[in-house]
Amino acid sequence: MSRIFEPSERFREAVARFDRANAEDPNVETVDGASHPKELLYAQRMSAALERFAPEASEVVRLAARCQHIRRWTVPRDTYPEGRDGYRRWRADLGRFHAETAGDVLHEVGYDDATVGRVQALLRKERLKADPEVQLLEDVVCLVFLSHYLAPFAAQHEDEKVVGILRKTWRKMSERRSRSRAGAAGAGDPRCRLTGVFFVGCPCPRLPAELPPHRHPLRRHLHV
C-alpha cells in the first residue's frame, strides 16, 4: 500500500504562492459556465492528474507539477521567431524561466537548496526518459493535454498537425502505465470518445467526437 502524502505547512504555502502567481493570468478558460485563470486551472489539473496517476509521487514531483506553467503568459510564443527553431528557443527559455520563478518561491518558504535544485531539474526536464521522476512529470503533462486540451486543439487545426502532435505526445510518454492510461484520458468528457484503434502501433487516445466527419482528426489515417 502506498504511503499517503501528508503535506507540510511549507508545502501548502508553496502551493498557495504558486496559485496566487498563476491567478494573475489575464487569460481565462470557461468550465461549466465559470471563468478561471488559464494557468491556475492548468496547475490544478496537473495536481489532480498526478494524484490519480501516481498517488505515491514524491514531494518534489508534486511541487513541480503545481508550478509547471508558473506565469507562462509572461513569455509569449509570439515574441520568438516563427518556425521550429523559434519554438525550440521559446520552450528552452520557458523551462529556465519556470525553474527560476519557482525556485524563488521555494527558497522564500524555506526549502533547502537541494530540494529547490531538484524541482528546477524536473521543470527543465533534465534527463527525460532516464530520470524516473522527470518522466513521471512528463507523463502527467501528456495525460493532462489528452484529457483537457486535445479536443480544442483538434478543432482548430488540420489533420496533419493533429497527427504530428499525437505522435510527439506518444513518444514523450513512458512505455507502461502512462500509455495504458492515455486511452482513458478524457473519460467522462462527452466531447471525446475512445477510437478503439491503434495509432503508430499504440492504442490511440480519445479524440473529439463533436467535430463533423469531414473535420474529424486522423480521418485519413485511422479507421474511425
Protein backbone atom coordinates (compact mmCIF):
# COMPACT_ATOMS: atom_id res chain seq x y z
CA MET A 1 0.00 0.00 0.00
CA SER A 2 1.35 3.43 -0.96
CA ARG A 3 2.07 5.85 1.83
CA ILE A 4 -0.44 8.70 1.93
CA PHE A 5 1.20 12.04 1.24
CA GLU A 6 0.81 14.43 4.16
CA PRO A 7 1.59 17.99 3.03
CA SER A 8 3.64 20.11 5.39
CA GLU A 9 2.86 23.74 6.10
CA ARG A 10 5.81 24.67 3.92
CA PHE A 11 4.39 22.64 1.03
CA ARG A 12 0.96 24.23 1.49
CA GLU A 13 2.48 27.69 1.49
CA ALA A 14 4.49 26.97 -1.65
CA VAL A 15 1.36 25.75 -3.47
CA ALA A 16 -0.58 28.80 -2.25
CA ARG A 17 2.10 31.11 -3.63
CA PHE A 18 2.25 29.25 -6.93
CA ASP A 19 -1.51 29.58 -7.19
CA ARG A 20 -1.51 33.28 -6.34
CA ALA A 21 1.05 33.85 -9.08
CA ASN A 22 -0.99 31.91 -11.63
CA ALA A 23 -4.23 33.57 -10.54
CA GLU A 24 -2.84 36.76 -12.13
CA ASP A 25 -3.10 35.19 -15.59
CA PRO A 26 -5.25 37.55 -17.69
CA ASN A 27 -6.19 34.66 -20.00
CA VAL A 28 -9.25 32.71 -18.90
CA GLU A 29 -10.85 29.36 -19.64
CA THR A 30 -14.53 28.74 -19.05
CA VAL A 31 -15.57 25.49 -17.41
CA ASP A 32 -19.21 24.78 -16.56
CA GLY A 33 -20.06 28.44 -17.02
CA ALA A 34 -17.34 29.73 -14.70
CA SER A 35 -14.21 31.56 -15.82
CA HIS A 36 -10.83 30.54 -14.42
CA PRO A 37 -7.34 31.98 -14.93
CA LYS A 38 -5.87 29.66 -17.54
CA GLU A 39 -2.61 28.75 -15.82
CA LEU A 40 -4.21 28.37 -12.40
CA LEU A 41 -6.66 25.89 -13.88
CA TYR A 42 -3.79 24.08 -15.60
CA ALA A 43 -1.89 23.82 -12.31
CA GLN A 44 -4.93 22.38 -10.56
CA ARG A 45 -5.42 19.86 -13.36
CA MET A 46 -1.76 18.82 -13.11
CA SER A 47 -2.04 18.17 -9.38
CA ALA A 48 -5.28 16.25 -9.78
CA ALA A 49 -3.88 14.11 -12.61
CA LEU A 50 -0.70 13.36 -10.66
CA GLU A 51 -2.75 12.25 -7.67
CA ARG A 52 -4.78 9.88 -9.82
CA PHE A 53 -1.86 8.57 -11.85
CA ALA A 54 0.83 8.33 -9.16
CA PRO A 55 -0.50 8.86 -5.63
CA GLU A 56 2.90 7.71 -4.34
CA ALA A 57 4.65 10.67 -6.03
CA SER A 58 7.31 12.46 -4.01
CA GLU A 59 7.00 15.98 -2.67
CA VAL A 60 9.36 17.40 -5.31
CA VAL A 61 7.26 15.95 -8.14
CA ARG A 62 4.12 17.38 -6.56
CA LEU A 63 5.74 20.79 -6.32
CA ALA A 64 6.96 20.64 -9.91
CA ALA A 65 3.53 19.61 -11.16
CA ARG A 66 1.90 22.57 -9.45
CA CYS A 67 4.32 25.13 -10.92
CA GLN A 68 4.86 23.50 -14.33
CA HIS A 69 3.49 26.59 -16.12
CA ILE A 70 4.05 29.27 -13.47
CA ARG A 71 3.46 32.71 -15.01
CA ARG A 72 3.83 31.26 -18.51
CA TRP A 73 1.78 34.02 -20.11
CA THR A 74 4.60 36.48 -19.41
CA VAL A 75 6.79 34.69 -22.00
CA PRO A 76 4.51 34.60 -25.05
CA ARG A 77 5.30 32.49 -28.08
CA ASP A 78 4.84 35.41 -30.47
CA THR A 79 7.90 37.16 -29.04
CA TYR A 80 10.06 34.49 -30.72
CA PRO A 81 10.61 33.82 -34.42
CA GLU A 82 8.17 31.57 -36.23
CA GLY A 83 9.21 28.05 -37.14
CA ARG A 84 10.83 25.12 -35.38
CA ASP A 85 13.96 26.93 -34.24
CA GLY A 86 11.95 29.75 -32.70
CA TYR A 87 9.68 27.26 -30.99
CA ARG A 88 12.60 25.35 -29.52
CA ARG A 89 14.19 28.55 -28.21
CA TRP A 90 10.89 29.53 -26.63
CA ARG A 91 10.47 26.14 -24.93
CA ALA A 92 14.05 26.15 -23.65
CA ASP A 93 13.67 29.66 -22.27
CA LEU A 94 10.34 28.71 -20.69
CA GLY A 95 11.97 25.81 -18.86
CA ARG A 96 14.60 28.10 -17.42
CA PHE A 97 12.03 30.78 -16.59
CA HIS A 98 9.72 28.37 -14.78
CA ALA A 99 12.65 26.89 -12.86
CA GLU A 100 13.94 30.29 -11.76
CA THR A 101 10.49 31.62 -10.84
CA ALA A 102 9.56 28.50 -8.88
CA GLY A 103 12.99 28.43 -7.23
CA ASP A 104 12.49 31.92 -5.84
CA VAL A 105 9.16 30.89 -4.31
CA LEU A 106 10.58 27.67 -2.85
CA HIS A 107 13.51 29.49 -1.25
CA GLU A 108 11.13 32.07 0.21
CA VAL A 109 9.07 29.42 2.00
CA GLY A 110 12.14 27.67 3.40
CA TYR A 111 13.06 24.77 1.13
CA ASP A 112 16.76 23.90 1.08
CA ASP A 113 18.99 24.25 -1.96
CA ALA A 114 18.93 20.54 -2.73
CA THR A 115 15.14 20.41 -2.87
CA VAL A 116 14.91 23.59 -4.89
CA GLY A 117 17.53 22.32 -7.33
CA ARG A 118 15.67 19.06 -7.74
CA VAL A 119 12.36 20.78 -8.53
CA GLN A 120 14.18 23.00 -11.01
CA ALA A 121 15.73 19.98 -12.72
CA LEU A 122 12.27 18.48 -13.10
CA LEU A 123 10.90 21.68 -14.60
CA ARG A 124 13.77 21.84 -17.07
CA LYS A 125 13.01 18.19 -17.97
CA GLU A 126 16.63 17.18 -17.46
CA ARG A 127 17.41 13.57 -18.35
CA LEU A 128 13.94 12.83 -19.65
CA LYS A 129 13.48 9.07 -20.15
CA ALA A 130 16.49 8.40 -17.87
CA ASP A 131 15.20 10.03 -14.67
CA PRO A 132 12.00 8.32 -13.42
CA GLU A 133 10.67 11.44 -11.72
CA VAL A 134 11.25 13.64 -14.75
CA GLN A 135 9.48 11.01 -16.85
CA LEU A 136 6.62 10.86 -14.36
CA LEU A 137 6.13 14.61 -14.62
CA GLU A 138 6.19 14.41 -18.42
CA ASP A 139 3.67 11.56 -18.39
CA VAL A 140 1.28 13.70 -16.35
CA VAL A 141 1.82 16.65 -18.70
CA CYS A 142 0.81 14.41 -21.60
CA LEU A 143 -2.21 12.97 -19.83
CA VAL A 144 -3.46 16.45 -18.93
CA PHE A 145 -3.08 17.50 -22.55
CA LEU A 146 -5.02 14.47 -23.79
CA SER A 147 -7.74 14.92 -21.19
CA HIS A 148 -8.29 18.66 -21.40
CA TYR A 149 -6.58 20.24 -24.39
CA LEU A 150 -6.66 17.76 -27.27
CA ALA A 151 -10.28 18.43 -28.23
CA PRO A 152 -9.96 22.22 -28.58
CA PHE A 153 -6.60 21.81 -30.32
CA ALA A 154 -8.04 19.36 -32.84
CA ALA A 155 -11.00 21.66 -33.51
CA GLN A 156 -8.64 24.44 -34.58
CA HIS A 157 -6.04 22.57 -36.64
CA GLU A 158 -5.84 20.41 -39.73
CA ASP A 159 -5.46 16.65 -39.61
CA GLU A 160 -1.74 16.63 -40.36
CA LYS A 161 -0.89 18.87 -37.43
CA VAL A 162 -3.11 16.89 -35.06
CA VAL A 163 -1.41 13.67 -36.13
CA GLY A 164 2.00 15.23 -35.56
CA ILE A 165 1.09 16.40 -32.06
CA LEU A 166 -0.28 12.99 -31.13
CA ARG A 167 2.87 11.27 -32.36
CA LYS A 168 5.08 13.66 -30.37
CA THR A 169 2.92 13.21 -27.28
CA TRP A 170 3.05 9.43 -27.56
CA ARG A 171 6.84 9.43 -27.92
CA LYS A 172 7.23 11.51 -24.78
CA MET A 173 5.28 9.07 -22.63
CA SER A 174 6.66 6.09 -20.75
CA GLU A 175 6.00 2.61 -22.04
CA ARG A 176 3.98 1.23 -19.17
CA ARG A 177 1.34 2.92 -17.05
CA SER A 178 1.16 6.24 -18.87
CA ARG A 179 0.35 4.78 -22.28
CA SER A 180 -2.17 2.43 -20.76
CA ARG A 181 -3.83 5.42 -19.12
CA ALA A 182 -3.74 7.53 -22.26
CA GLY A 183 -6.64 5.60 -23.75
CA ALA A 184 -8.71 6.55 -20.73
CA ALA A 185 -7.75 10.23 -20.84
CA GLY A 186 -10.88 12.29 -21.05
CA ALA A 187 -13.11 9.60 -19.56
CA GLY A 188 -16.47 11.10 -18.73
CA ASP A 189 -15.93 14.04 -21.08
CA PRO A 190 -18.77 14.00 -23.62
CA ARG A 191 -16.57 15.80 -26.15
CA CYS A 192 -14.26 12.82 -26.54
CA ARG A 193 -14.58 9.16 -27.46
CA LEU A 194 -12.26 6.18 -27.47
CA THR A 195 -11.40 5.24 -31.03
CA GLY A 196 -10.53 1.64 -30.22
CA VAL A 197 -7.87 1.64 -32.93
CA PHE A 198 -4.11 1.64 -32.95
CA PHE A 199 -2.09 4.74 -33.72
CA VAL A 200 1.54 4.25 -34.68
CA GLY A 201 1.33 0.82 -33.10
CA CYS A 202 -0.27 2.03 -29.86
CA PRO A 203 -3.85 2.47 -28.60
CA CYS A 204 -4.92 5.92 -29.73
CA PRO A 205 -6.06 8.49 -27.14
CA ARG A 206 -9.57 9.82 -27.13
CA LEU A 207 -10.43 12.13 -29.98
CA PRO A 208 -13.05 14.87 -30.22
CA ALA A 209 -16.49 13.48 -31.00
CA GLU A 210 -18.21 16.79 -31.64
CA LEU A 211 -16.39 17.56 -34.88
CA PRO A 212 -18.22 16.89 -38.16
CA PRO A 213 -16.97 13.85 -40.12
CA HIS A 214 -15.12 15.93 -42.70
CA ARG A 215 -13.12 17.60 -39.91
CA HIS A 216 -12.56 14.64 -37.66
CA PRO A 217 -8.87 14.40 -36.68
CA LEU A 218 -6.99 11.46 -38.15
CA ARG A 219 -9.88 10.64 -40.51
CA ARG A 220 -7.39 9.90 -43.30
CA HIS A 221 -5.12 7.92 -41.00
CA LEU A 222 -7.49 5.87 -38.85
CA HIS A 223 -10.48 3.65 -39.50
CA VAL A 224 -12.99 5.54 -37.35
